[in-house]
């Protein structure tokens, strides 16, 4: 993914108002992120514990999505798997992230959801640049490039549902 500015991020959101996008907390130190290892930029809102954001490129256009989630309250021994990158995490490491749909459907309150890594670090897990604390990655015969492609395909399928 290419390096983004705060303005790029704010202009990309498709499922919130311009005012909401203007007020949301963007990641600090954007210039220090490992852009070459990210398929999407994902972060949690430090001021709103139930809110996260995701920005990615689709067909040459930036698409930003606001997400809401409730962390799992299950015990440490329970493991959940991210539907994007297939990383398993114990406890609250995977959450059901819901996104309000874009356009009229979203204004009517319709949303879509997907189980994702709560920290939205899927790109780093797939590439082995971050280890899931207490979790694991499946042993696969796919190359890292194929796993990255599967993760981005899974994300694209989720984003497609925002426009249904």
C-alpha atoms as a PDB file:
ATOM      1  CA  UNK A   1       0.000   0.000   0.000  1.00  0.00           C
ATOM      2  CA  UNK A   2       1.212   3.504  -0.707  1.00  0.00           C
ATOM      3  CA  UNK A   3       1.911   5.971   2.070  1.00  0.00           C
ATOM      4  CA  UNK A   4      -1.156   8.002   3.065  1.00  0.00           C
ATOM      5  CA  UNK A   5      -1.647  11.448   4.518  1.00  0.00           C
ATOM      6  CA  UNK A   6      -4.220  12.397   7.128  1.00  0.00           C
ATOM      7  CA  UNK A   7      -6.222  14.160   4.413  1.00  0.00           C
ATOM      8  CA  UNK A   8      -6.105  11.063   2.143  1.00  0.00           C
ATOM      9  CA  UNK A   9      -7.507   9.040   5.023  1.00  0.00           C
ATOM     10  CA  UNK A  10     -10.285  11.486   5.895  1.00  0.00           C
ATOM     11  CA  UNK A  11     -11.371  11.823   2.249  1.00  0.00           C
ATOM     12  CA  UNK A  12     -11.611   8.045   1.757  1.00  0.00           C
ATOM     13  CA  UNK A  13     -14.525   7.155   4.052  1.00  0.00           C
ATOM     14  CA  UNK A  14     -17.606   5.777   2.327  1.00  0.00           C
ATOM     15  CA  UNK A  15     -19.870   4.872   5.247  1.00  0.00           C
ATOM     16  CA  UNK A  16     -19.890   8.002   7.388  1.00  0.00           C
ATOM     17  CA  UNK A  17     -20.583  11.682   6.897  1.00  0.00           C
ATOM     18  CA  UNK A  18     -17.864  14.170   5.971  1.00  0.00           C
ATOM     19  CA  UNK A  19     -18.252  15.679   9.430  1.00  0.00           C
ATOM     20  CA  UNK A  20     -17.698  12.312  11.094  1.00  0.00           C
ATOM     21  CA  UNK A  21     -14.652  11.693   8.911  1.00  0.00           C
ATOM     22  CA  UNK A  22     -13.275  15.102   9.835  1.00  0.00           C
ATOM     23  CA  UNK A  23     -13.599  14.345  13.565  1.00  0.00           C
ATOM     24  CA  UNK A  24     -12.293  10.769  13.665  1.00  0.00           C
ATOM     25  CA  UNK A  25      -8.923  10.009  15.233  1.00  0.00           C
ATOM     26  CA  UNK A  26      -6.313   9.179  12.600  1.00  0.00           C
ATOM     27  CA  UNK A  27      -3.181   7.150  13.377  1.00  0.00           C
ATOM     28  CA  UNK A  28      -0.230   9.083  14.701  1.00  0.00           C
ATOM     29  CA  UNK A  29       3.187   8.903  13.078  1.00  0.00           C
ATOM     30  CA  UNK A  30       1.913   7.910   9.637  1.00  0.00           C
ATOM     31  CA  UNK A  31       5.426   8.415   8.263  1.00  0.00           C
ATOM     32  CA  UNK A  32       6.732   5.581  10.480  1.00  0.00           C
ATOM     33  CA  UNK A  33       4.282   2.862   9.399  1.00  0.00           C
ATOM     34  CA  UNK A  34       5.604  -0.147   7.408  1.00  0.00           C
ATOM     35  CA  UNK A  35       3.627   0.794   4.287  1.00  0.00           C
ATOM     36  CA  UNK A  36       5.413  -1.742   2.088  1.00  0.00           C
ATOM     37  CA  UNK A  37       4.005  -4.528   4.304  1.00  0.00           C
ATOM     38  CA  UNK A  38       0.422  -3.254   4.562  1.00  0.00           C
ATOM     39  CA  UNK A  39      -2.451  -4.317   2.354  1.00  0.00           C
ATOM     40  CA  UNK A  40      -4.704  -1.963   4.291  1.00  0.00           C
ATOM     41  CA  UNK A  41      -4.329   0.534   7.085  1.00  0.00           C
ATOM     42  CA  UNK A  42      -6.330  -0.465  10.140  1.00  0.00           C
ATOM     43  CA  UNK A  43      -6.416   1.158  13.577  1.00  0.00           C
ATOM     44  CA  UNK A  44      -8.477   1.438  16.722  1.00  0.00           C
ATOM     45  CA  UNK A  45      -9.821   4.728  18.002  1.00  0.00           C
ATOM     46  CA  UNK A  46      -8.098   5.422  21.344  1.00  0.00           C
ATOM     47  CA  UNK A  47     -10.971   7.692  22.404  1.00  0.00           C
ATOM     48  CA  UNK A  48     -13.757   5.256  21.512  1.00  0.00           C
ATOM     49  CA  UNK A  49     -12.984   1.680  22.591  1.00  0.00           C
ATOM     50  CA  UNK A  50     -15.701   0.202  20.369  1.00  0.00           C
ATOM     51  CA  UNK A  51     -14.547   1.877  17.157  1.00  0.00           C
ATOM     52  CA  UNK A  52     -11.966   0.986  14.523  1.00  0.00           C
ATOM     53  CA  UNK A  53     -11.180   2.175  11.017  1.00  0.00           C
ATOM     54  CA  UNK A  54      -9.857   0.574   7.872  1.00  0.00           C
ATOM     55  CA  UNK A  55      -8.542   2.197   4.678  1.00  0.00           C
ATOM     56  CA  UNK A  56      -7.477   0.328   1.555  1.00  0.00           C
ATOM     57  CA  UNK A  57      -7.050   0.847  -2.174  1.00  0.00           C
ATOM     58  CA  UNK A  58      -9.687  -0.660  -4.471  1.00  0.00           C
ATOM     59  CA  UNK A  59      -9.550  -0.196  -8.216  1.00  0.00           C
ATOM     60  CA  UNK A  60      -7.174   2.749  -7.833  1.00  0.00           C
ATOM     61  CA  UNK A  61      -9.395   4.532  -5.288  1.00  0.00           C
ATOM     62  CA  UNK A  62      -8.996   4.780  -1.538  1.00  0.00           C
ATOM     63  CA  UNK A  63     -11.895   3.315   0.440  1.00  0.00           C
ATOM     64  CA  UNK A  64     -12.213   4.010   4.154  1.00  0.00           C
ATOM     65  CA  UNK A  65     -14.651   2.216   6.433  1.00  0.00           C
ATOM     66  CA  UNK A  66     -15.718   2.918   9.999  1.00  0.00           C
ATOM     67  CA  UNK A  67     -16.146  -0.246  12.052  1.00  0.00           C
ATOM     68  CA  UNK A  68     -17.780  -0.968  15.381  1.00  0.00           C
ATOM     69  CA  UNK A  69     -17.059  -3.981  17.515  1.00  0.00           C
ATOM     70  CA  UNK A  70     -17.516  -5.489  20.907  1.00  0.00           C
ATOM     71  CA  UNK A  71     -14.513  -7.406  22.194  1.00  0.00           C
ATOM     72  CA  UNK A  72     -15.005 -11.040  22.995  1.00  0.00           C
ATOM     73  CA  UNK A  73     -15.432 -11.738  26.669  1.00  0.00           C
ATOM     74  CA  UNK A  74     -14.458 -15.369  26.331  1.00  0.00           C
ATOM     75  CA  UNK A  75     -11.631 -16.851  28.355  1.00  0.00           C
ATOM     76  CA  UNK A  76      -7.988 -16.982  27.387  1.00  0.00           C
ATOM     77  CA  UNK A  77      -8.234 -20.634  26.358  1.00  0.00           C
ATOM     78  CA  UNK A  78     -10.919 -19.966  23.751  1.00  0.00           C
ATOM     79  CA  UNK A  79      -9.459 -19.321  20.311  1.00  0.00           C
ATOM     80  CA  UNK A  80     -11.086 -17.473  17.444  1.00  0.00           C
ATOM     81  CA  UNK A  81      -9.975 -17.194  13.827  1.00  0.00           C
ATOM     82  CA  UNK A  82      -9.875 -14.031  11.736  1.00  0.00           C
ATOM     83  CA  UNK A  83     -11.919 -14.395   8.550  1.00  0.00           C
ATOM     84  CA  UNK A  84      -9.502 -12.176   6.612  1.00  0.00           C
ATOM     85  CA  UNK A  85      -6.057 -13.618   7.349  1.00  0.00           C
ATOM     86  CA  UNK A  86      -6.916 -16.938   9.078  1.00  0.00           C
ATOM     87  CA  UNK A  87      -4.847 -16.105  12.164  1.00  0.00           C
ATOM     88  CA  UNK A  88      -6.086 -17.584  15.436  1.00  0.00           C
ATOM     89  CA  UNK A  89      -6.085 -15.550  18.627  1.00  0.00           C
ATOM     90  CA  UNK A  90      -7.057 -16.362  22.204  1.00  0.00           C
ATOM     91  CA  UNK A  91      -9.580 -14.339  24.171  1.00  0.00           C
ATOM     92  CA  UNK A  92     -10.502 -11.019  22.545  1.00  0.00           C
ATOM     93  CA  UNK A  93      -7.966 -11.172  19.701  1.00  0.00           C
ATOM     94  CA  UNK A  94     -10.742 -11.588  17.132  1.00  0.00           C
ATOM     95  CA  UNK A  95     -13.888  -9.453  17.136  1.00  0.00           C
ATOM     96  CA  UNK A  96     -17.000  -9.199  15.033  1.00  0.00           C
ATOM     97  CA  UNK A  97     -16.467  -5.908  13.211  1.00  0.00           C
ATOM     98  CA  UNK A  98     -19.590  -4.345  11.763  1.00  0.00           C
ATOM     99  CA  UNK A  99     -19.698  -1.599   9.181  1.00  0.00           C
ATOM    100  CA  UNK A 100     -22.673   0.532   8.287  1.00  0.00           C
ATOM    101  CA  UNK A 101     -23.456   0.081   4.587  1.00  0.00           C
ATOM    102  CA  UNK A 102     -22.695   2.895   2.174  1.00  0.00           C
ATOM    103  CA  UNK A 103     -25.467   5.075   0.757  1.00  0.00           C
ATOM    104  CA  UNK A 104     -29.204   4.833   1.445  1.00  0.00           C
ATOM    105  CA  UNK A 105     -28.975   1.325   2.931  1.00  0.00           C
ATOM    106  CA  UNK A 106     -26.551   2.577   5.572  1.00  0.00           C
ATOM    107  CA  UNK A 107     -28.738   5.565   6.374  1.00  0.00           C
ATOM    108  CA  UNK A 108     -31.532   3.071   7.010  1.00  0.00           C
ATOM    109  CA  UNK A 109     -29.324   1.309   9.567  1.00  0.00           C
ATOM    110  CA  UNK A 110     -28.204  -1.696   7.505  1.00  0.00           C
ATOM    111  CA  UNK A 111     -24.756  -3.092   8.215  1.00  0.00           C
ATOM    112  CA  UNK A 112     -22.444  -5.998   7.392  1.00  0.00           C
ATOM    113  CA  UNK A 113     -20.005  -7.775   9.664  1.00  0.00           C
ATOM    114  CA  UNK A 114     -16.931  -9.972   9.603  1.00  0.00           C
ATOM    115  CA  UNK A 115     -14.728 -11.563  12.266  1.00  0.00           C
ATOM    116  CA  UNK A 116     -11.363  -9.777  12.098  1.00  0.00           C
ATOM    117  CA  UNK A 117      -8.193  -9.469  14.142  1.00  0.00           C
ATOM    118  CA  UNK A 118      -9.117  -6.897  16.791  1.00  0.00           C
ATOM    119  CA  UNK A 119      -5.856  -5.018  16.193  1.00  0.00           C
ATOM    120  CA  UNK A 120      -6.391  -5.078  12.380  1.00  0.00           C
ATOM    121  CA  UNK A 121      -2.779  -6.199  11.848  1.00  0.00           C
ATOM    122  CA  UNK A 122      -3.706  -8.946   9.364  1.00  0.00           C
ATOM    123  CA  UNK A 123      -1.111  -7.800   6.807  1.00  0.00           C
ATOM    124  CA  UNK A 124       1.674  -8.168   9.356  1.00  0.00           C
ATOM    125  CA  UNK A 125       0.485 -11.577  10.594  1.00  0.00           C
ATOM    126  CA  UNK A 126       0.329 -12.997   7.065  1.00  0.00           C
ATOM    127  CA  UNK A 127       3.863 -11.798   6.335  1.00  0.00           C
ATOM    128  CA  UNK A 128       5.263 -13.088   9.639  1.00  0.00           C
ATOM    129  CA  UNK A 129       6.138  -9.538  10.754  1.00  0.00           C
ATOM    130  CA  UNK A 130       3.966  -9.776  13.853  1.00  0.00           C
ATOM    131  CA  UNK A 131       3.253 -12.822  15.987  1.00  0.00           C
ATOM    132  CA  UNK A 132      -0.225 -13.308  17.421  1.00  0.00           C
ATOM    133  CA  UNK A 133       0.167 -13.283  21.204  1.00  0.00           C
ATOM    134  CA  UNK A 134      -0.894 -16.739  22.342  1.00  0.00           C
ATOM    135  CA  UNK A 135      -2.338 -17.462  18.909  1.00  0.00           C
ATOM    136  CA  UNK A 136      -0.947 -18.958  15.741  1.00  0.00           C
ATOM    137  CA  UNK A 137      -0.981 -19.031  11.987  1.00  0.00           C
ATOM    138  CA  UNK A 138      -2.035 -22.200  10.215  1.00  0.00           C
ATOM    139  CA  UNK A 139       0.650 -24.253   8.514  1.00  0.00           C
ATOM    140  CA  UNK A 140      -0.144 -23.809   4.838  1.00  0.00           C
ATOM    141  CA  UNK A 141       1.247 -24.936   1.523  1.00  0.00           C
ATOM    142  CA  UNK A 142       0.385 -21.538   0.014  1.00  0.00           C
ATOM    143  CA  UNK A 143       3.176 -19.048  -0.496  1.00  0.00           C
ATOM    144  CA  UNK A 144       3.105 -15.775   1.425  1.00  0.00           C
ATOM    145  CA  UNK A 145       2.100 -14.015  -1.810  1.00  0.00           C
ATOM    146  CA  UNK A 146      -0.857 -16.395  -2.195  1.00  0.00           C
ATOM    147  CA  UNK A 147      -1.863 -15.849   1.433  1.00  0.00           C
ATOM    148  CA  UNK A 148      -1.679 -12.078   0.905  1.00  0.00           C
ATOM    149  CA  UNK A 149      -3.865 -12.426  -2.204  1.00  0.00           C
ATOM    150  CA  UNK A 150      -6.401 -14.497  -0.251  1.00  0.00           C
ATOM    151  CA  UNK A 151      -6.480 -11.888   2.539  1.00  0.00           C
ATOM    152  CA  UNK A 152      -7.045  -9.029   0.089  1.00  0.00           C
ATOM    153  CA  UNK A 153      -9.706 -11.078  -1.745  1.00  0.00           C
ATOM    154  CA  UNK A 154     -11.490 -11.698   1.581  1.00  0.00           C
ATOM    155  CA  UNK A 155     -11.331  -7.975   2.371  1.00  0.00           C
ATOM    156  CA  UNK A 156     -12.621  -7.097  -1.090  1.00  0.00           C
ATOM    157  CA  UNK A 157     -15.572  -9.486  -0.681  1.00  0.00           C
ATOM    158  CA  UNK A 158     -16.421  -7.803   2.637  1.00  0.00           C
ATOM    159  CA  UNK A 159     -16.201  -4.335   1.088  1.00  0.00           C
ATOM    160  CA  UNK A 160     -18.403  -5.435  -1.832  1.00  0.00           C
ATOM    161  CA  UNK A 161     -21.181  -6.111   0.702  1.00  0.00           C
ATOM    162  CA  UNK A 162     -21.081  -2.455   1.763  1.00  0.00           C
ATOM    163  CA  UNK A 163     -22.552  -1.523  -1.616  1.00  0.00           C
ATOM    164  CA  UNK A 164     -25.184  -4.317  -1.939  1.00  0.00           C
END
